[in-house]
Amino acid sequence: MTYAIPVHVALIDETGQIAAADLQECAGALNEQVQADFAPVWKVAATVGVYSSKSGGTWQIQIQTQLDQPGALGYHTDSSNQPISYIEFTDSWRQTCSHELLEMLADPWGNRMHAARLPDALASDYAQFGLPHQYTRVHYLLEVCDPCEDTSYEVGGLALSDFLLPAWYRTAPIASNAYTHAGGCTSAREVADGGYVSFSNASGEWFQAFNQSGSLQVQDLGQFNDDEHGSLREFADTKAREHRAAHAGT
């Protein structure tokens, strides 16, 4: 976590195709989103600035023409113990920057989890997930934009990513009915249309649930192997891309 020590994130265009004014506009919107919306609820501290090249000591968001992960618009990892995000230059590059930045701030190393019950839509199938009853808690990988990733909201005139609020993990409803910042999810542990979530049971078996047109599709990922995947996040991201590639157009 980044409670006490603020981090600085370098926004870098490696494509040479983005106007300097557009990069500055994006950095300004990301700063506003983090400081006004995200930091107060997730207890982080960060600023974003535009850089022309890699800068030592900063976390980074690198915008590239094409990523080395097929099917990914963006992903985040760490290099030499510094968190880093890679963004493919598409029409939605600004929203993808927001998505990866917020998830990088919430979980820099890709292994943070939070215990809560299954999504309500899956509770009756608890035995499928190796649980003794529907009230047993599972461990969610803390990817704060994935369950609502198709939802955006405007910051500084730009469409940026919606994100979970801590209340999303609650069992009982809350009076304000606010579970994501922009309302992409309207109940606790909901996976909005176009989103997904990753979770494990007490035996370390991992699952993912994808909302496609209002219906949850579940895949069993098996055990996490840290020799094959460096972090839980990399493991989950890889499996999510494989699932979406296999189900594209269905």
C-alpha atoms as a PDB file:
ATOM      1  CA  MET A   1       0.000   0.000   0.000  1.00  0.00           C
ATOM      2  CA  THR A   2       1.042   3.621  -0.452  1.00  0.00           C
ATOM      3  CA  TYR A   3      -0.532   5.152   2.675  1.00  0.00           C
ATOM      4  CA  ALA A   4       2.339   7.362   3.836  1.00  0.00           C
ATOM      5  CA  ILE A   5       4.763   7.753   0.946  1.00  0.00           C
ATOM      6  CA  PRO A   6       3.329   9.325  -2.230  1.00  0.00           C
ATOM      7  CA  VAL A   7       4.385   7.758  -5.517  1.00  0.00           C
ATOM      8  CA  HIS A   8       4.958   9.564  -8.787  1.00  0.00           C
ATOM      9  CA  VAL A   9       3.826   7.935 -12.017  1.00  0.00           C
ATOM     10  CA  ALA A  10       5.439   8.778 -15.354  1.00  0.00           C
ATOM     11  CA  LEU A  11       3.062   8.810 -18.347  1.00  0.00           C
ATOM     12  CA  ILE A  12       5.185   7.983 -21.401  1.00  0.00           C
ATOM     13  CA  ASP A  13       4.171   7.880 -25.073  1.00  0.00           C
ATOM     14  CA  GLU A  14       6.365   5.364 -26.880  1.00  0.00           C
ATOM     15  CA  THR A  15       4.320   5.520 -30.084  1.00  0.00           C
ATOM     16  CA  GLY A  16       5.240   9.055 -31.118  1.00  0.00           C
ATOM     17  CA  GLN A  17       1.631   9.481 -32.268  1.00  0.00           C
ATOM     18  CA  ILE A  18       0.053  11.352 -29.346  1.00  0.00           C
ATOM     19  CA  ALA A  19       0.131  15.140 -29.281  1.00  0.00           C
ATOM     20  CA  ALA A  20       1.847  16.688 -26.268  1.00  0.00           C
ATOM     21  CA  ALA A  21      -1.344  18.571 -25.387  1.00  0.00           C
ATOM     22  CA  ASP A  22      -3.333  15.310 -25.352  1.00  0.00           C
ATOM     23  CA  LEU A  23      -0.819  13.675 -23.014  1.00  0.00           C
ATOM     24  CA  GLN A  24      -0.921  16.661 -20.677  1.00  0.00           C
ATOM     25  CA  GLU A  25      -4.717  16.646 -20.737  1.00  0.00           C
ATOM     26  CA  CYS A  26      -4.751  12.939 -19.845  1.00  0.00           C
ATOM     27  CA  ALA A  27      -2.221  13.397 -17.034  1.00  0.00           C
ATOM     28  CA  GLY A  28      -4.312  16.223 -15.620  1.00  0.00           C
ATOM     29  CA  ALA A  29      -7.482  14.120 -15.663  1.00  0.00           C
ATOM     30  CA  LEU A  30      -5.673  11.153 -14.056  1.00  0.00           C
ATOM     31  CA  ASN A  31      -4.319  13.417 -11.311  1.00  0.00           C
ATOM     32  CA  GLU A  32      -7.792  14.755 -10.633  1.00  0.00           C
ATOM     33  CA  GLN A  33      -9.297  11.269 -10.561  1.00  0.00           C
ATOM     34  CA  VAL A  34      -6.672   9.904  -8.172  1.00  0.00           C
ATOM     35  CA  GLN A  35      -6.617  12.840  -5.790  1.00  0.00           C
ATOM     36  CA  ALA A  36     -10.326  13.722  -5.735  1.00  0.00           C
ATOM     37  CA  ASP A  37     -12.011  10.333  -6.228  1.00  0.00           C
ATOM     38  CA  PHE A  38      -9.682   7.397  -5.637  1.00  0.00           C
ATOM     39  CA  ALA A  39      -7.232   8.417  -2.906  1.00  0.00           C
ATOM     40  CA  PRO A  40      -9.848   9.291  -0.262  1.00  0.00           C
ATOM     41  CA  VAL A  41     -11.473   5.846  -0.385  1.00  0.00           C
ATOM     42  CA  TRP A  42      -8.451   3.618  -1.065  1.00  0.00           C
ATOM     43  CA  LYS A  43      -5.953   5.552   1.087  1.00  0.00           C
ATOM     44  CA  VAL A  44      -3.225   5.993  -1.502  1.00  0.00           C
ATOM     45  CA  ALA A  45      -1.189   9.031  -2.533  1.00  0.00           C
ATOM     46  CA  ALA A  46       0.064   9.546  -6.075  1.00  0.00           C
ATOM     47  CA  THR A  47       0.686  12.100  -8.804  1.00  0.00           C
ATOM     48  CA  VAL A  48       1.020  11.639 -12.575  1.00  0.00           C
ATOM     49  CA  GLY A  49       3.313  13.574 -14.910  1.00  0.00           C
ATOM     50  CA  VAL A  50       4.207  13.401 -18.615  1.00  0.00           C
ATOM     51  CA  TYR A  51       7.724  12.218 -19.425  1.00  0.00           C
ATOM     52  CA  SER A  52       9.475  11.786 -22.759  1.00  0.00           C
ATOM     53  CA  SER A  53      11.356   8.663 -21.650  1.00  0.00           C
ATOM     54  CA  LYS A  54      11.753   6.288 -18.749  1.00  0.00           C
ATOM     55  CA  SER A  55      12.682   7.960 -15.488  1.00  0.00           C
ATOM     56  CA  GLY A  56      14.364   6.178 -12.599  1.00  0.00           C
ATOM     57  CA  GLY A  57      12.488   6.055  -9.325  1.00  0.00           C
ATOM     58  CA  THR A  58       9.041   6.512 -10.859  1.00  0.00           C
ATOM     59  CA  TRP A  59       6.243   4.083 -11.471  1.00  0.00           C
ATOM     60  CA  GLN A  60       5.382   4.132 -15.156  1.00  0.00           C
ATOM     61  CA  ILE A  61       2.556   3.973 -17.670  1.00  0.00           C
ATOM     62  CA  GLN A  62       3.995   3.247 -21.115  1.00  0.00           C
ATOM     63  CA  ILE A  63       1.736   3.687 -24.142  1.00  0.00           C
ATOM     64  CA  GLN A  64       2.846   1.405 -26.974  1.00  0.00           C
ATOM     65  CA  THR A  65       1.756   0.719 -30.535  1.00  0.00           C
ATOM     66  CA  GLN A  66       1.245  -2.988 -29.814  1.00  0.00           C
ATOM     67  CA  LEU A  67       1.555  -4.984 -26.631  1.00  0.00           C
ATOM     68  CA  ASP A  68       3.390  -8.262 -26.158  1.00  0.00           C
ATOM     69  CA  GLN A  69       0.281  -9.794 -24.549  1.00  0.00           C
ATOM     70  CA  PRO A  70      -2.196 -10.733 -27.333  1.00  0.00           C
ATOM     71  CA  GLY A  71      -5.742  -9.589 -26.611  1.00  0.00           C
ATOM     72  CA  ALA A  72      -4.751  -7.086 -23.924  1.00  0.00           C
ATOM     73  CA  LEU A  73      -5.568  -3.378 -24.171  1.00  0.00           C
ATOM     74  CA  GLY A  74      -3.430  -2.862 -21.085  1.00  0.00           C
ATOM     75  CA  TYR A  75      -1.837  -4.694 -18.185  1.00  0.00           C
ATOM     76  CA  HIS A  76       0.312  -3.915 -15.159  1.00  0.00           C
ATOM     77  CA  THR A  77       3.256  -5.748 -13.664  1.00  0.00           C
ATOM     78  CA  ASP A  78       6.537  -4.780 -12.012  1.00  0.00           C
ATOM     79  CA  SER A  79      10.062  -4.419 -13.336  1.00  0.00           C
ATOM     80  CA  SER A  80      13.097  -4.182 -11.021  1.00  0.00           C
ATOM     81  CA  ASN A  81      10.641  -3.789  -8.126  1.00  0.00           C
ATOM     82  CA  GLN A  82       8.948  -0.787  -9.737  1.00  0.00           C
ATOM     83  CA  PRO A  83       5.267  -1.136 -10.759  1.00  0.00           C
ATOM     84  CA  ILE A  84       4.673  -0.495 -14.445  1.00  0.00           C
ATOM     85  CA  SER A  85       1.652  -0.487 -16.777  1.00  0.00           C
ATOM     86  CA  TYR A  86       1.613  -1.051 -20.534  1.00  0.00           C
ATOM     87  CA  ILE A  87      -1.177   0.455 -22.631  1.00  0.00           C
ATOM     88  CA  GLU A  88      -1.986  -0.286 -26.273  1.00  0.00           C
ATOM     89  CA  PHE A  89      -2.645   2.836 -28.321  1.00  0.00           C
ATOM     90  CA  THR A  90      -6.313   2.546 -29.296  1.00  0.00           C
ATOM     91  CA  ASP A  91      -9.248   4.950 -29.268  1.00  0.00           C
ATOM     92  CA  SER A  92      -9.782   4.056 -25.594  1.00  0.00           C
ATOM     93  CA  TRP A  93      -6.176   4.552 -24.447  1.00  0.00           C
ATOM     94  CA  ARG A  94      -7.125   7.188 -21.866  1.00  0.00           C
ATOM     95  CA  GLN A  95      -9.688   4.953 -20.133  1.00  0.00           C
ATOM     96  CA  THR A  96      -7.225   2.048 -20.222  1.00  0.00           C
ATOM     97  CA  CYS A  97      -4.562   4.265 -18.619  1.00  0.00           C
ATOM     98  CA  SER A  98      -7.042   5.060 -15.859  1.00  0.00           C
ATOM     99  CA  HIS A  99      -7.943   1.384 -15.358  1.00  0.00           C
ATOM    100  CA  GLU A 100      -4.343   0.234 -15.067  1.00  0.00           C
ATOM    101  CA  LEU A 101      -3.240   3.197 -12.943  1.00  0.00           C
ATOM    102  CA  LEU A 102      -5.950   2.649 -10.329  1.00  0.00           C
ATOM    103  CA  GLU A 103      -5.339  -1.089 -10.129  1.00  0.00           C
ATOM    104  CA  MET A 104      -1.592  -0.499  -9.892  1.00  0.00           C
ATOM    105  CA  LEU A 105      -2.132   1.906  -6.980  1.00  0.00           C
ATOM    106  CA  ALA A 106      -4.537  -0.420  -5.162  1.00  0.00           C
ATOM    107  CA  ASP A 107      -2.264  -3.460  -5.523  1.00  0.00           C
ATOM    108  CA  PRO A 108       1.253  -2.607  -6.742  1.00  0.00           C
ATOM    109  CA  TRP A 109       2.612  -6.172  -6.563  1.00  0.00           C
ATOM    110  CA  GLY A 110      -0.411  -8.128  -7.794  1.00  0.00           C
ATOM    111  CA  ASN A 111      -1.033 -10.366  -4.790  1.00  0.00           C
ATOM    112  CA  ARG A 112      -3.425  -8.435  -2.548  1.00  0.00           C
ATOM    113  CA  MET A 113      -6.661 -10.239  -1.637  1.00  0.00           C
ATOM    114  CA  HIS A 114      -9.820  -9.456   0.288  1.00  0.00           C
ATOM    115  CA  ALA A 115     -12.193 -11.971   1.903  1.00  0.00           C
ATOM    116  CA  ALA A 116     -15.926 -11.761   1.195  1.00  0.00           C
ATOM    117  CA  ARG A 117     -18.836 -13.977   0.203  1.00  0.00           C
ATOM    118  CA  LEU A 118     -19.442 -15.227  -3.308  1.00  0.00           C
ATOM    119  CA  PRO A 119     -21.337 -12.977  -5.720  1.00  0.00           C
ATOM    120  CA  ASP A 120     -25.044 -13.393  -4.929  1.00  0.00           C
ATOM    121  CA  ALA A 121     -25.667 -14.769  -8.430  1.00  0.00           C
ATOM    122  CA  LEU A 122     -23.339 -17.705  -7.642  1.00  0.00           C
ATOM    123  CA  ALA A 123     -24.311 -18.348  -4.008  1.00  0.00           C
ATOM    124  CA  SER A 124     -26.645 -21.262  -4.774  1.00  0.00           C
ATOM    125  CA  ASP A 125     -23.783 -23.036  -6.601  1.00  0.00           C
ATOM    126  CA  TYR A 126     -21.440 -22.852  -3.593  1.00  0.00           C
ATOM    127  CA  ALA A 127     -20.516 -26.553  -3.815  1.00  0.00           C
ATOM    128  CA  GLN A 128     -19.090 -25.952  -7.300  1.00  0.00           C
ATOM    129  CA  PHE A 129     -16.435 -23.787  -5.664  1.00  0.00           C
ATOM    130  CA  GLY A 130     -15.479 -26.300  -2.963  1.00  0.00           C
ATOM    131  CA  LEU A 131     -17.342 -24.407  -0.237  1.00  0.00           C
ATOM    132  CA  PRO A 132     -19.223 -26.081   2.644  1.00  0.00           C
ATOM    133  CA  HIS A 133     -22.104 -23.578   2.507  1.00  0.00           C
ATOM    134  CA  GLN A 134     -23.135 -20.424   0.673  1.00  0.00           C
ATOM    135  CA  TYR A 135     -21.997 -18.146   3.490  1.00  0.00           C
ATOM    136  CA  THR A 136     -18.360 -19.272   3.352  1.00  0.00           C
ATOM    137  CA  ARG A 137     -16.019 -16.509   2.346  1.00  0.00           C
ATOM    138  CA  VAL A 138     -13.725 -16.669  -0.650  1.00  0.00           C
ATOM    139  CA  HIS A 139     -10.647 -14.558  -1.343  1.00  0.00           C
ATOM    140  CA  TYR A 140     -10.987 -11.998  -4.122  1.00  0.00           C
ATOM    141  CA  LEU A 141      -7.944 -10.743  -5.991  1.00  0.00           C
ATOM    142  CA  LEU A 142      -8.054  -6.971  -5.518  1.00  0.00           C
ATOM    143  CA  GLU A 143      -8.544  -5.789  -9.108  1.00  0.00           C
ATOM    144  CA  VAL A 144     -10.608  -2.696  -8.447  1.00  0.00           C
ATOM    145  CA  CYS A 145     -11.658  -1.968 -12.051  1.00  0.00           C
ATOM    146  CA  ASP A 146     -12.349  -5.440 -13.476  1.00  0.00           C
ATOM    147  CA  PRO A 147     -15.916  -6.036 -12.179  1.00  0.00           C
ATOM    148  CA  CYS A 148     -17.084  -2.720 -13.684  1.00  0.00           C
ATOM    149  CA  GLU A 149     -14.567  -2.306 -16.490  1.00  0.00           C
ATOM    150  CA  ASP A 150     -17.099  -1.405 -19.199  1.00  0.00           C
ATOM    151  CA  THR A 151     -18.305   1.610 -17.186  1.00  0.00           C
ATOM    152  CA  SER A 152     -16.651   5.025 -17.455  1.00  0.00           C
ATOM    153  CA  TYR A 153     -17.290   8.509 -16.154  1.00  0.00           C
ATOM    154  CA  GLU A 154     -16.056  11.951 -17.135  1.00  0.00           C
ATOM    155  CA  VAL A 155     -13.109  13.634 -15.460  1.00  0.00           C
ATOM    156  CA  GLY A 156     -11.703  16.805 -16.981  1.00  0.00           C
ATOM    157  CA  GLY A 157     -13.658  16.145 -20.146  1.00  0.00           C
ATOM    158  CA  LEU A 158     -12.222  12.631 -20.605  1.00  0.00           C
ATOM    159  CA  ALA A 159     -13.866   9.213 -20.139  1.00  0.00           C
ATOM    160  CA  LEU A 160     -11.991   7.425 -17.352  1.00  0.00           C
ATOM    161  CA  SER A 161     -12.519   4.076 -15.658  1.00  0.00           C
ATOM    162  CA  ASP A 162     -15.088   3.355 -12.981  1.00  0.00           C
ATOM    163  CA  PHE A 163     -13.681   1.571  -9.904  1.00  0.00           C
ATOM    164  CA  LEU A 164     -14.890  -0.418  -6.905  1.00  0.00           C
ATOM    165  CA  LEU A 165     -15.516   1.172  -3.535  1.00  0.00           C
ATOM    166  CA  PRO A 166     -14.613  -0.863  -0.411  1.00  0.00           C
ATOM    167  CA  ALA A 167     -18.362  -1.360   0.185  1.00  0.00           C
ATOM    168  CA  TRP A 168     -18.417  -3.709  -2.835  1.00  0.00           C
ATOM    169  CA  TYR A 169     -17.026  -6.432  -0.554  1.00  0.00           C
ATOM    170  CA  ARG A 170     -19.709  -6.049   2.125  1.00  0.00           C
ATOM    171  CA  THR A 171     -22.316  -8.685   2.951  1.00  0.00           C
ATOM    172  CA  ALA A 172     -25.145  -6.344   3.995  1.00  0.00           C
ATOM    173  CA  PRO A 173     -26.441  -3.577   1.710  1.00  0.00           C
ATOM    174  CA  ILE A 174     -25.515   0.005   2.543  1.00  0.00           C
ATOM    175  CA  ALA A 175     -27.890   2.944   2.657  1.00  0.00           C
ATOM    176  CA  SER A 176     -26.203   4.946  -0.099  1.00  0.00           C
ATOM    177  CA  ASN A 177     -26.267   2.017  -2.552  1.00  0.00           C
ATOM    178  CA  ALA A 178     -22.798   3.074  -3.753  1.00  0.00           C
ATOM    179  CA  TYR A 179     -20.555   0.146  -4.622  1.00  0.00           C
ATOM    180  CA  THR A 180     -18.521   1.676  -7.450  1.00  0.00           C
ATOM    181  CA  HIS A 181     -17.651   5.307  -7.946  1.00  0.00           C
ATOM    182  CA  ALA A 182     -19.678   5.791 -11.135  1.00  0.00           C
ATOM    183  CA  GLY A 183     -22.405   3.233 -10.436  1.00  0.00           C
ATOM    184  CA  GLY A 184     -21.270   0.429 -12.720  1.00  0.00           C
ATOM    185  CA  CYS A 185     -22.144  -2.031  -9.932  1.00  0.00           C
ATOM    186  CA  THR A 186     -25.270  -1.347  -7.903  1.00  0.00           C
ATOM    187  CA  SER A 187     -25.017  -4.105  -5.301  1.00  0.00           C
ATOM    188  CA  ALA A 188     -22.338  -5.803  -3.226  1.00  0.00           C
ATOM    189  CA  ARG A 189     -20.105  -8.281  -5.086  1.00  0.00           C
ATOM    190  CA  GLU A 190     -21.945  -7.688  -8.356  1.00  0.00           C
ATOM    191  CA  VAL A 191     -20.087  -8.317 -11.611  1.00  0.00           C
ATOM    192  CA  ALA A 192     -21.426  -5.811 -14.137  1.00  0.00           C
ATOM    193  CA  ASP A 193     -22.045  -6.664 -17.780  1.00  0.00           C
ATOM    194  CA  GLY A 194     -18.692  -6.871 -19.562  1.00  0.00           C
ATOM    195  CA  GLY A 195     -16.753  -7.278 -16.308  1.00  0.00           C
ATOM    196  CA  TYR A 196     -15.215 -10.178 -14.427  1.00  0.00           C
ATOM    197  CA  VAL A 197     -13.807 -11.131 -11.037  1.00  0.00           C
ATOM    198  CA  SER A 198     -11.181 -13.616  -9.789  1.00  0.00           C
ATOM    199  CA  PHE A 199     -11.400 -15.456  -6.452  1.00  0.00           C
ATOM    200  CA  SER A 200     -10.079 -18.525  -4.634  1.00  0.00           C
ATOM    201  CA  ASN A 201     -11.362 -20.947  -1.996  1.00  0.00           C
ATOM    202  CA  ALA A 202      -9.591 -22.072   1.185  1.00  0.00           C
ATOM    203  CA  SER A 203      -7.761 -24.809  -0.750  1.00  0.00           C
ATOM    204  CA  GLY A 204      -6.183 -22.287  -3.100  1.00  0.00           C
ATOM    205  CA  GLU A 205      -8.273 -23.254  -6.124  1.00  0.00           C
ATOM    206  CA  TRP A 206      -8.935 -20.210  -8.312  1.00  0.00           C
ATOM    207  CA  PHE A 207     -12.035 -19.299 -10.311  1.00  0.00           C
ATOM    208  CA  GLN A 208     -13.155 -16.463 -12.564  1.00  0.00           C
ATOM    209  CA  ALA A 209     -16.705 -15.278 -13.210  1.00  0.00           C
ATOM    210  CA  PHE A 210     -17.440 -13.259 -16.372  1.00  0.00           C
ATOM    211  CA  ASN A 211     -20.653 -11.330 -16.996  1.00  0.00           C
ATOM    212  CA  GLN A 212     -21.603 -11.701 -20.631  1.00  0.00           C
ATOM    213  CA  SER A 213     -24.945 -10.114 -21.545  1.00  0.00           C
ATOM    214  CA  GLY A 214     -26.229 -10.471 -17.992  1.00  0.00           C
ATOM    215  CA  SER A 215     -25.214 -14.099 -17.452  1.00  0.00           C
ATOM    216  CA  LEU A 216     -22.250 -15.196 -15.326  1.00  0.00           C
ATOM    217  CA  GLN A 217     -19.868 -17.683 -16.925  1.00  0.00           C
ATOM    218  CA  VAL A 218     -17.438 -19.418 -14.565  1.00  0.00           C
ATOM    219  CA  GLN A 219     -14.099 -20.999 -15.333  1.00  0.00           C
ATOM    220  CA  ASP A 220     -12.060 -23.115 -12.919  1.00  0.00           C
ATOM    221  CA  LEU A 221      -8.402 -22.014 -13.077  1.00  0.00           C
ATOM    222  CA  GLY A 222      -7.018 -24.632 -10.717  1.00  0.00           C
ATOM    223  CA  GLN A 223      -4.064 -23.880  -8.446  1.00  0.00           C
ATOM    224  CA  PHE A 224      -1.814 -20.867  -8.816  1.00  0.00           C
ATOM    225  CA  ASN A 225       1.770 -21.795  -9.692  1.00  0.00           C
ATOM    226  CA  ASP A 226       4.179 -18.972  -8.909  1.00  0.00           C
ATOM    227  CA  ASP A 227       6.950 -20.690 -10.903  1.00  0.00           C
ATOM    228  CA  GLU A 228       4.843 -20.239 -14.056  1.00  0.00           C
ATOM    229  CA  HIS A 229       3.289 -16.844 -13.259  1.00  0.00           C
ATOM    230  CA  GLY A 230       5.130 -14.202 -11.272  1.00  0.00           C
ATOM    231  CA  SER A 231       2.071 -12.914  -9.405  1.00  0.00           C
ATOM    232  CA  LEU A 232      -1.569 -13.747  -8.881  1.00  0.00           C
ATOM    233  CA  ARG A 233      -2.455 -10.759 -11.058  1.00  0.00           C
ATOM    234  CA  GLU A 234      -0.403 -12.064 -14.001  1.00  0.00           C
ATOM    235  CA  PHE A 235      -1.981 -15.489 -13.542  1.00  0.00           C
ATOM    236  CA  ALA A 236      -5.518 -14.046 -13.474  1.00  0.00           C
ATOM    237  CA  ASP A 237      -4.920 -11.661 -16.384  1.00  0.00           C
ATOM    238  CA  THR A 238      -3.528 -14.439 -18.572  1.00  0.00           C
ATOM    239  CA  LYS A 239      -6.476 -16.728 -17.835  1.00  0.00           C
ATOM    240  CA  ALA A 240      -8.970 -13.909 -18.474  1.00  0.00           C
ATOM    241  CA  ARG A 241      -7.450 -13.148 -21.884  1.00  0.00           C
ATOM    242  CA  GLU A 242      -7.520 -16.856 -22.792  1.00  0.00           C
ATOM    243  CA  HIS A 243     -11.178 -17.106 -21.786  1.00  0.00           C
ATOM    244  CA  ARG A 244     -12.195 -14.044 -23.770  1.00  0.00           C
ATOM    245  CA  ALA A 245     -10.283 -15.174 -26.848  1.00  0.00           C
ATOM    246  CA  ALA A 246     -11.961 -18.577 -26.697  1.00  0.00           C
ATOM    247  CA  HIS A 247     -15.427 -17.033 -26.309  1.00  0.00           C
ATOM    248  CA  ALA A 248     -15.069 -14.102 -28.701  1.00  0.00           C
ATOM    249  CA  GLY A 249     -18.263 -13.602 -30.702  1.00  0.00           C
ATOM    250  CA  THR A 250     -20.307 -16.030 -28.598  1.00  0.00           C
END
